[in-house]
Amino acid sequence: MKFENYYDIDIKFLSQSLNLPAQAMNFSIHDSINSFFSNAEINLQDNTGLFRESLLNINGSSFELFFGDPNKTLKAKYVTRLSHSEEPKTFGTLNGDLNLFCEHEFFYQQKETNAAYKDKANKIVESTIKDYSFKKLNIKETDSTIVLYRISMNQKDFIEKNIIPNSFGSNCNDTPYYCFIDTENCFNFISWNEMYSTSPVAKLYYSSTKPADFDKNKIFSIKPFSKDFNDISKNISKTNFYRDYDSGDFFKVDSNISNFPKNEKEKFLPMLRSGVQSFETKSYFYKDYTRKELTKAQLIFDNKKTMNLEFFEIIVPFNSLINSGKTIELEIKTQNEISKYNSGKFLVEDCIHTWDGKNKRGLTTLIVSRKQIFIPSNYRLKNLVMEG
């Protein structure tokens, strides 16, 4: 259904369009590099009670959502995990709004099984998800053959707990792997470096000029936030101890937050220098190339929570080109001057596309992040900020 010859919106139930007017439905679709499944929230005006009579509110109901603009239409299937009905609007009926909380359809195709694998990590991922048809597979190649055992684990848990911590690739630049399904129905298995190295899909602007509803690149609102320093401090400077299975001897490897990835030239970490040091013990040791890569992969994985250190929450008009795992260029003007510190390239960690039927418009809410920053030469604390 085309709305104002611009938005492409529709909700199908069991492959049949609900044929609701645009103002009678609200929904949002959400993906994140930190969440395996994309999800959706749907609100439907059920003025006659017919939707409830047709069992749309039953858990396990299957929906297909369409949300697009002139650039692209996002389309994926979701299944109801939880539903909530508002109080009836008319006495003697069961009408009222239906609120549905849904997960990507692949959530309901998870199966626990036992298996052993000997292959590259990316090939193991492909064989694990082969029973579902995604629009696209964005699975990046890893190095060397590894041996993994899947004991009573479903696809998601096996990938997250066994495959990702042991994945290493020559293109990863000492950054961990992520696995997530986006709102484009694309399955992604990709390193942080490969995501961040892509060209920005949009350049977003923030200034005193009020944006128009269809000006995709103008920011409605923006606010910065940060992580608790206690969550970061253990990775600032860490010593890892490893043990040789044969001799029992221990040896150590030093790890620094600025090495994952290695700092770019003239870029800094957005934190003051700190003398914090932590220690971690691992009970494995390598003697061949494969074990060396596994050790490296697990060392990188330990730094996953500190891959991004600075964040913005941004709301812009609906833009179907933006998904989690993509990058955007941010330009912020304060006092009509470009802020060199706040502006720059960011990775989209979370993306929520919302159709607001009441106000008849679409919005895109982003959590964007980066690890390294540019600091102007006249910044008074520049010499105290951590360098690579």
Protein backbone atom coordinates (compact mmCIF):
# COMPACT_ATOMS: atom_id res chain seq x y z
CA MET A 1 0.00 0.00 0.00
CA LYS A 2 1.38 3.39 -1.00
CA PHE A 3 0.76 6.27 1.40
CA GLU A 4 1.09 9.83 0.07
CA ASN A 5 2.93 8.28 -2.91
CA TYR A 6 5.95 7.98 -0.66
CA TYR A 7 5.71 5.35 2.08
CA ASP A 8 5.24 1.68 1.20
CA ILE A 9 3.56 0.08 4.23
CA ASP A 10 1.62 -3.13 4.68
CA ILE A 11 1.01 -5.92 7.17
CA LYS A 12 0.10 -9.38 5.96
CA PHE A 13 -1.39 -12.11 8.14
CA LEU A 14 -1.02 -15.63 6.74
CA SER A 15 -0.02 -14.04 3.41
CA GLN A 16 -3.19 -11.89 3.25
CA SER A 17 -3.01 -8.10 3.57
CA LEU A 18 -4.98 -6.69 6.50
CA ASN A 19 -6.03 -3.76 4.27
CA LEU A 20 -5.98 -1.32 7.16
CA PRO A 21 -5.79 2.42 6.52
CA ALA A 22 -2.36 3.83 7.33
CA GLN A 23 -3.62 5.71 10.40
CA ALA A 24 -5.09 2.53 11.93
CA MET A 25 -1.77 0.78 12.41
CA ASN A 26 1.52 1.49 14.12
CA PHE A 27 4.59 -0.70 14.07
CA SER A 28 8.32 -0.69 14.59
CA ILE A 29 11.03 -3.05 13.36
CA HIS A 30 14.28 -3.30 15.26
CA ASP A 31 17.69 -4.83 14.54
CA SER A 32 20.97 -4.68 16.46
CA ILE A 33 24.52 -5.95 15.99
CA ASN A 34 24.26 -7.10 19.63
CA SER A 35 21.07 -9.13 19.16
CA PHE A 36 20.84 -12.28 17.04
CA PHE A 37 17.18 -11.85 16.06
CA SER A 38 15.48 -8.76 14.72
CA ASN A 39 12.06 -8.09 16.22
CA ALA A 40 8.89 -6.08 15.71
CA GLU A 41 6.11 -4.42 17.68
CA ILE A 42 2.71 -4.05 16.01
CA ASN A 43 -0.33 -2.05 17.14
CA LEU A 44 -3.61 -2.57 15.27
CA GLN A 45 -6.91 -0.75 15.73
CA ASP A 46 -9.50 -3.52 15.99
CA ASN A 47 -12.66 -1.42 16.09
CA THR A 48 -14.99 -4.34 15.26
CA GLY A 49 -13.22 -7.12 17.13
CA LEU A 50 -12.75 -9.00 13.84
CA PHE A 51 -8.97 -9.29 14.23
CA ARG A 52 -9.31 -10.93 17.61
CA GLU A 53 -12.02 -13.20 16.21
CA SER A 54 -9.56 -14.18 13.45
CA LEU A 55 -6.96 -15.15 16.09
CA LEU A 56 -4.45 -12.44 15.19
CA ASN A 57 -3.63 -12.08 18.88
CA ILE A 58 -2.66 -15.73 19.39
CA ASN A 59 1.00 -16.38 20.17
CA GLY A 60 2.67 -18.01 17.18
CA SER A 61 0.69 -16.02 14.61
CA SER A 62 2.80 -15.19 11.54
CA PHE A 63 3.02 -11.68 10.07
CA GLU A 64 4.91 -10.20 7.15
CA LEU A 65 5.80 -6.53 7.46
CA PHE A 66 6.54 -4.16 4.57
CA PHE A 67 8.06 -0.75 5.26
CA GLY A 68 9.65 1.25 2.46
CA ASP A 69 10.41 4.58 0.88
CA PRO A 70 11.44 5.42 -2.72
CA ASN A 71 14.89 3.89 -2.10
CA LYS A 72 13.98 0.43 -0.82
CA THR A 73 11.29 -1.62 0.90
CA LEU A 74 12.23 -3.60 4.00
CA LYS A 75 10.38 -6.92 4.20
CA ALA A 76 10.61 -9.76 6.72
CA LYS A 77 8.42 -12.30 8.51
CA TYR A 78 7.77 -12.11 12.24
CA VAL A 79 5.95 -14.40 14.64
CA THR A 80 4.00 -13.25 17.71
CA ARG A 81 5.78 -14.03 20.97
CA LEU A 82 3.54 -12.00 23.27
CA SER A 83 0.29 -10.10 22.78
CA HIS A 84 -1.73 -7.60 24.78
CA SER A 85 -5.24 -6.29 24.16
CA GLU A 86 -6.59 -2.95 25.35
CA GLU A 87 -9.93 -2.70 27.12
CA PRO A 88 -12.94 -2.93 24.76
CA LYS A 89 -14.03 0.42 23.35
CA THR A 90 -17.69 -0.63 23.17
CA PHE A 91 -19.62 -2.45 25.89
CA GLY A 92 -20.71 -5.92 24.85
CA THR A 93 -17.92 -6.39 22.31
CA LEU A 94 -14.27 -7.46 22.36
CA ASN A 95 -12.96 -4.67 20.19
CA GLY A 96 -9.96 -2.50 21.03
CA ASP A 97 -6.33 -2.15 20.04
CA LEU A 98 -4.14 -5.23 19.66
CA ASN A 99 -0.48 -4.93 20.70
CA LEU A 100 1.75 -7.68 19.32
CA PHE A 101 5.38 -8.29 20.27
CA CYS A 102 7.11 -10.40 17.63
CA GLU A 103 10.43 -12.07 16.87
CA HIS A 104 11.94 -12.80 13.48
CA GLU A 105 10.50 -16.03 12.09
CA PHE A 106 13.85 -17.83 12.43
CA PHE A 107 13.43 -17.63 16.22
CA TYR A 108 10.69 -20.26 15.96
CA GLN A 109 12.79 -22.59 13.82
CA GLN A 110 15.49 -23.13 16.42
CA LYS A 111 16.31 -26.80 17.01
CA GLU A 112 18.55 -28.39 19.59
CA THR A 113 20.83 -31.09 18.26
CA ASN A 114 24.20 -32.81 18.74
CA ALA A 115 26.85 -32.52 16.04
CA ALA A 116 30.57 -32.18 15.40
CA TYR A 117 32.12 -29.84 12.84
CA LYS A 118 35.53 -29.54 11.23
CA ASP A 119 35.66 -26.60 8.84
CA LYS A 120 36.21 -22.86 8.64
CA ALA A 121 34.01 -20.91 11.04
CA ASN A 122 32.08 -19.21 8.23
CA LYS A 123 31.31 -22.58 6.62
CA ILE A 124 30.07 -23.94 9.95
CA VAL A 125 27.76 -20.92 10.26
CA GLU A 126 26.40 -21.53 6.76
CA SER A 127 25.64 -25.18 7.50
CA THR A 128 23.97 -24.22 10.80
CA ILE A 129 21.41 -21.86 9.20
CA LYS A 130 20.93 -23.64 5.86
CA ASP A 131 17.32 -24.64 6.58
CA TYR A 132 16.01 -21.05 6.49
CA SER A 133 15.75 -18.89 3.38
CA PHE A 134 17.09 -15.39 4.05
CA LYS A 135 16.97 -12.61 1.47
CA LYS A 136 20.76 -12.41 1.58
CA LEU A 137 23.70 -14.01 3.39
CA ASN A 138 26.43 -11.59 4.43
CA ILE A 139 28.85 -14.18 5.84
CA LYS A 140 32.49 -13.12 5.78
CA GLU A 141 35.25 -15.69 5.35
CA THR A 142 37.42 -16.73 8.29
CA ASP A 143 40.85 -18.38 8.37
CA SER A 144 41.92 -21.97 9.07
CA THR A 145 39.91 -25.06 9.91
CA ILE A 146 38.60 -25.51 13.45
CA VAL A 147 36.90 -28.37 15.30
CA LEU A 148 33.73 -27.54 17.25
CA TYR A 149 31.18 -29.67 19.10
CA ARG A 150 27.50 -28.81 19.37
CA ILE A 151 25.96 -30.56 22.38
CA SER A 152 22.20 -30.06 22.77
CA MET A 153 22.38 -26.51 21.43
CA ASN A 154 20.13 -24.62 19.03
CA GLN A 155 21.45 -22.62 16.10
CA LYS A 156 21.61 -19.27 17.90
CA ASP A 157 23.36 -20.54 21.03
CA PHE A 158 25.86 -22.61 19.06
CA ILE A 159 26.83 -19.64 16.88
CA GLU A 160 27.05 -17.18 19.77
CA LYS A 161 28.72 -19.41 22.37
CA ASN A 162 30.94 -21.66 20.26
CA ILE A 163 31.57 -20.22 16.80
CA ILE A 164 32.00 -16.49 17.41
CA PRO A 165 34.55 -16.78 20.27
CA ASN A 166 36.70 -19.00 18.03
CA SER A 167 36.43 -16.99 14.80
CA PHE A 168 39.46 -15.24 13.33
CA GLY A 169 39.99 -13.74 9.89
CA SER A 170 42.78 -11.91 8.15
CA ASN A 171 40.39 -9.00 7.47
CA CYS A 172 39.16 -8.64 11.02
CA ASN A 173 42.06 -6.38 12.14
CA ASP A 174 41.96 -7.84 15.66
CA THR A 175 38.23 -7.18 16.09
CA PRO A 176 35.53 -9.70 17.11
CA TYR A 177 32.76 -11.18 14.99
CA TYR A 178 29.05 -10.38 15.27
CA CYS A 179 26.04 -12.37 14.11
CA PHE A 180 22.62 -10.77 13.61
CA ILE A 181 19.56 -10.72 11.37
CA ASP A 182 18.65 -7.23 10.15
CA THR A 183 15.31 -5.73 9.14
CA GLU A 184 16.17 -6.33 5.49
CA ASN A 185 15.98 -10.07 6.28
CA CYS A 186 19.72 -10.37 5.73
CA PHE A 187 21.76 -12.78 7.84
CA ASN A 188 25.08 -11.24 8.91
CA PHE A 189 28.25 -12.92 10.21
CA ILE A 190 30.90 -10.24 10.09
CA SER A 191 33.73 -8.68 12.08
CA TRP A 192 33.59 -5.21 13.62
CA ASN A 193 36.39 -4.07 11.30
CA GLU A 194 34.55 -5.23 8.17
CA MET A 195 31.40 -3.39 9.27
CA TYR A 196 33.21 -0.18 10.15
CA SER A 197 35.28 -0.23 6.95
CA THR A 198 32.22 0.10 4.72
CA SER A 199 31.31 3.42 3.11
CA PRO A 200 28.61 5.41 4.96
CA VAL A 201 25.09 4.83 3.61
CA ALA A 202 23.99 8.31 4.73
CA LYS A 203 25.39 11.64 5.88
CA LEU A 204 23.29 13.01 8.74
CA TYR A 205 23.27 16.67 9.69
CA TYR A 206 22.41 18.40 12.95
CA SER A 207 22.04 22.19 13.13
CA SER A 208 19.65 24.90 14.29
CA THR A 209 17.60 24.55 11.08
CA LYS A 210 14.34 22.68 11.67
CA PRO A 211 14.17 19.55 9.43
CA ALA A 212 11.28 18.69 7.14
CA ASP A 213 9.46 15.36 7.48
CA PHE A 214 10.94 13.96 4.27
CA ASP A 215 14.46 15.37 4.67
CA LYS A 216 16.14 12.05 5.43
CA ASN A 217 19.49 13.53 6.34
CA LYS A 218 18.33 16.15 8.84
CA ILE A 219 18.37 15.04 12.47
CA PHE A 220 15.20 15.61 14.55
CA SER A 221 16.97 14.96 17.85
CA ILE A 222 20.34 13.77 19.12
CA LYS A 223 21.81 13.05 22.52
CA PRO A 224 25.17 11.59 23.58
CA PHE A 225 25.65 8.97 26.27
CA SER A 226 28.43 6.70 27.49
CA LYS A 227 29.16 3.43 29.24
CA ASP A 228 29.99 3.03 32.90
CA PHE A 229 33.76 3.31 33.26
CA ASN A 230 33.77 0.21 35.48
CA ASP A 231 32.59 -1.84 32.51
CA ILE A 232 35.54 -0.58 30.46
CA SER A 233 38.39 -0.41 32.95
CA LYS A 234 39.30 -4.11 33.03
CA ASN A 235 40.21 -4.01 29.33
CA ILE A 236 42.32 -0.86 29.42
CA SER A 237 45.48 -2.75 30.26
CA LYS A 238 45.13 -6.48 30.80
CA THR A 239 47.57 -9.34 31.28
CA ASN A 240 46.41 -12.77 30.06
CA PHE A 241 48.03 -15.91 31.43
CA TYR A 242 48.11 -19.08 29.33
CA ARG A 243 49.17 -22.60 30.26
CA ASP A 244 51.06 -25.21 28.26
CA TYR A 245 49.07 -28.45 28.53
CA ASP A 246 52.22 -30.59 28.20
CA SER A 247 54.69 -28.86 30.53
CA GLY A 248 52.27 -27.07 32.82
CA ASP A 249 54.25 -23.85 32.38
CA PHE A 250 52.50 -20.48 32.32
CA PHE A 251 53.30 -17.58 30.03
CA LYS A 252 51.62 -14.20 29.66
CA VAL A 253 50.36 -11.98 26.87
CA ASP A 254 49.65 -8.30 27.47
CA SER A 255 46.47 -6.80 26.05
CA ASN A 256 45.62 -3.11 25.65
CA ILE A 257 42.24 -1.61 24.78
CA SER A 258 43.76 0.51 22.01
CA ASN A 259 45.00 -2.56 20.10
CA PHE A 260 41.51 -3.89 19.23
CA PRO A 261 41.66 -2.50 16.58
CA LYS A 262 44.97 -0.71 16.36
CA ASN A 263 44.45 3.03 16.62
CA GLU A 264 44.31 4.97 13.38
CA LYS A 265 46.77 7.81 12.82
CA GLU A 266 45.79 10.99 14.70
CA LYS A 267 42.89 9.18 16.37
CA PHE A 268 42.46 8.75 20.12
CA LEU A 269 40.37 6.77 22.58
CA PRO A 270 37.70 8.95 24.25
CA MET A 271 38.95 8.42 27.81
CA LEU A 272 41.61 9.85 30.07
CA ARG A 273 44.74 7.87 30.77
CA SER A 274 44.38 5.43 33.60
CA GLY A 275 46.71 3.19 35.58
CA VAL A 276 44.06 0.47 35.83
CA GLN A 277 45.39 -3.04 35.20
CA SER A 278 43.56 -6.35 35.35
CA PHE A 279 44.49 -10.02 35.03
CA GLU A 280 42.82 -12.98 33.42
CA THR A 281 43.72 -16.67 33.33
CA LYS A 282 43.17 -18.96 30.34
CA SER A 283 43.92 -22.67 30.43
CA TYR A 284 45.06 -23.34 26.88
CA PHE A 285 48.21 -23.07 24.84
CA TYR A 286 48.94 -23.41 21.15
CA LYS A 287 51.65 -25.34 19.32
CA ASP A 288 50.42 -25.10 15.77
CA TYR A 289 48.88 -22.53 13.44
CA THR A 290 45.25 -23.44 14.16
CA ARG A 291 45.62 -23.24 17.94
CA LYS A 292 47.44 -19.94 17.52
CA GLU A 293 44.45 -18.52 15.66
CA LEU A 294 42.00 -19.85 18.24
CA THR A 295 44.02 -18.24 21.01
CA LYS A 296 44.05 -14.98 19.08
CA ALA A 297 40.30 -15.20 18.43
CA GLN A 298 39.51 -15.69 22.10
CA LEU A 299 41.82 -12.85 23.11
CA ILE A 300 39.95 -10.58 20.66
CA PHE A 301 36.56 -11.83 21.89
CA ASP A 302 37.47 -10.82 25.44
CA ASN A 303 37.58 -7.20 24.20
CA LYS A 304 34.16 -7.28 22.54
CA LYS A 305 32.41 -5.16 25.17
CA THR A 306 34.88 -2.32 24.64
CA MET A 307 34.87 -2.21 20.86
CA ASN A 308 32.80 0.97 20.97
CA LEU A 309 33.33 3.70 23.53
CA GLU A 310 31.28 6.72 22.45
CA PHE A 311 27.60 6.77 21.51
CA PHE A 312 24.82 8.96 20.16
CA GLU A 313 21.08 8.31 20.06
CA ILE A 314 19.67 9.90 16.90
CA ILE A 315 16.17 10.28 15.42
CA VAL A 316 15.77 11.08 11.71
CA PRO A 317 12.96 10.76 9.15
CA PHE A 318 12.51 7.16 7.99
CA ASN A 319 15.45 6.00 5.90
CA SER A 320 15.30 2.44 4.56
CA LEU A 321 18.98 2.49 3.59
CA ILE A 322 20.07 2.43 7.24
CA ASN A 323 20.34 -0.84 9.15
CA SER A 324 22.47 -2.09 12.00
CA GLY A 325 25.95 -2.99 10.82
CA LYS A 326 26.04 -0.07 8.35
CA THR A 327 27.97 3.16 8.88
CA ILE A 328 26.84 6.79 8.74
CA GLU A 329 28.71 10.09 8.55
CA LEU A 330 27.66 12.58 11.21
CA GLU A 331 28.05 16.35 10.89
CA ILE A 332 27.14 18.41 13.93
CA LYS A 333 27.05 22.19 13.93
CA THR A 334 27.16 24.13 17.18
CA GLN A 335 26.97 27.91 17.06
CA ASN A 336 26.94 27.51 13.24
CA GLU A 337 30.40 25.92 13.30
CA ILE A 338 31.09 22.25 12.58
CA SER A 339 32.08 20.37 15.72
CA LYS A 340 35.25 18.55 14.72
CA TYR A 341 35.18 16.39 17.83
CA ASN A 342 31.56 15.20 17.65
CA SER A 343 31.40 14.85 13.87
CA GLY A 344 32.78 11.86 12.01
CA LYS A 345 32.10 8.27 11.00
CA PHE A 346 29.94 6.06 13.23
CA LEU A 347 28.80 2.43 13.22
CA VAL A 348 25.05 1.79 13.55
CA GLU A 349 24.65 -0.55 16.53
CA ASP A 350 20.86 -0.41 16.82
CA CYS A 351 18.24 0.70 14.31
CA ILE A 352 14.50 1.05 14.90
CA HIS A 353 12.24 1.94 11.96
CA THR A 354 8.83 3.15 13.15
CA TRP A 355 5.58 3.79 11.31
CA ASP A 356 3.57 6.32 13.35
CA GLY A 357 0.04 5.97 12.02
CA LYS A 358 -1.43 8.65 14.29
CA ASN A 359 0.91 11.30 12.89
CA LYS A 360 1.16 9.63 9.48
CA ARG A 361 4.93 9.58 9.24
CA GLY A 362 7.92 7.28 9.49
CA LEU A 363 10.91 7.67 11.81
CA THR A 364 14.27 5.97 12.19
CA THR A 365 15.92 5.83 15.62
CA LEU A 366 19.62 4.96 15.75
CA ILE A 367 22.23 4.09 18.32
CA VAL A 368 25.54 4.91 16.64
CA SER A 369 28.98 4.35 18.10
CA ARG A 370 32.69 4.61 17.52
CA LYS A 371 35.84 3.67 19.36
CA GLN A 372 38.29 6.26 18.10
CA ILE A 373 37.92 10.03 17.87
CA PHE A 374 39.61 13.01 16.31
CA ILE A 375 40.69 15.67 18.81
CA PRO A 376 41.49 19.19 17.56
CA SER A 377 44.96 20.46 18.38
CA ASN A 378 43.60 23.21 20.63
CA TYR A 379 41.71 20.77 22.88
CA ARG A 380 43.12 21.48 26.33
CA LEU A 381 43.11 17.87 27.59
CA LYS A 382 44.39 16.30 24.41
CA ASN A 383 47.68 15.19 26.00
CA LEU A 384 45.74 13.22 28.65
CA VAL A 385 43.52 11.25 26.27
CA MET A 386 44.63 7.71 25.53
CA GLU A 387 46.52 7.25 22.27
CA GLY A 388 47.11 4.07 20.30
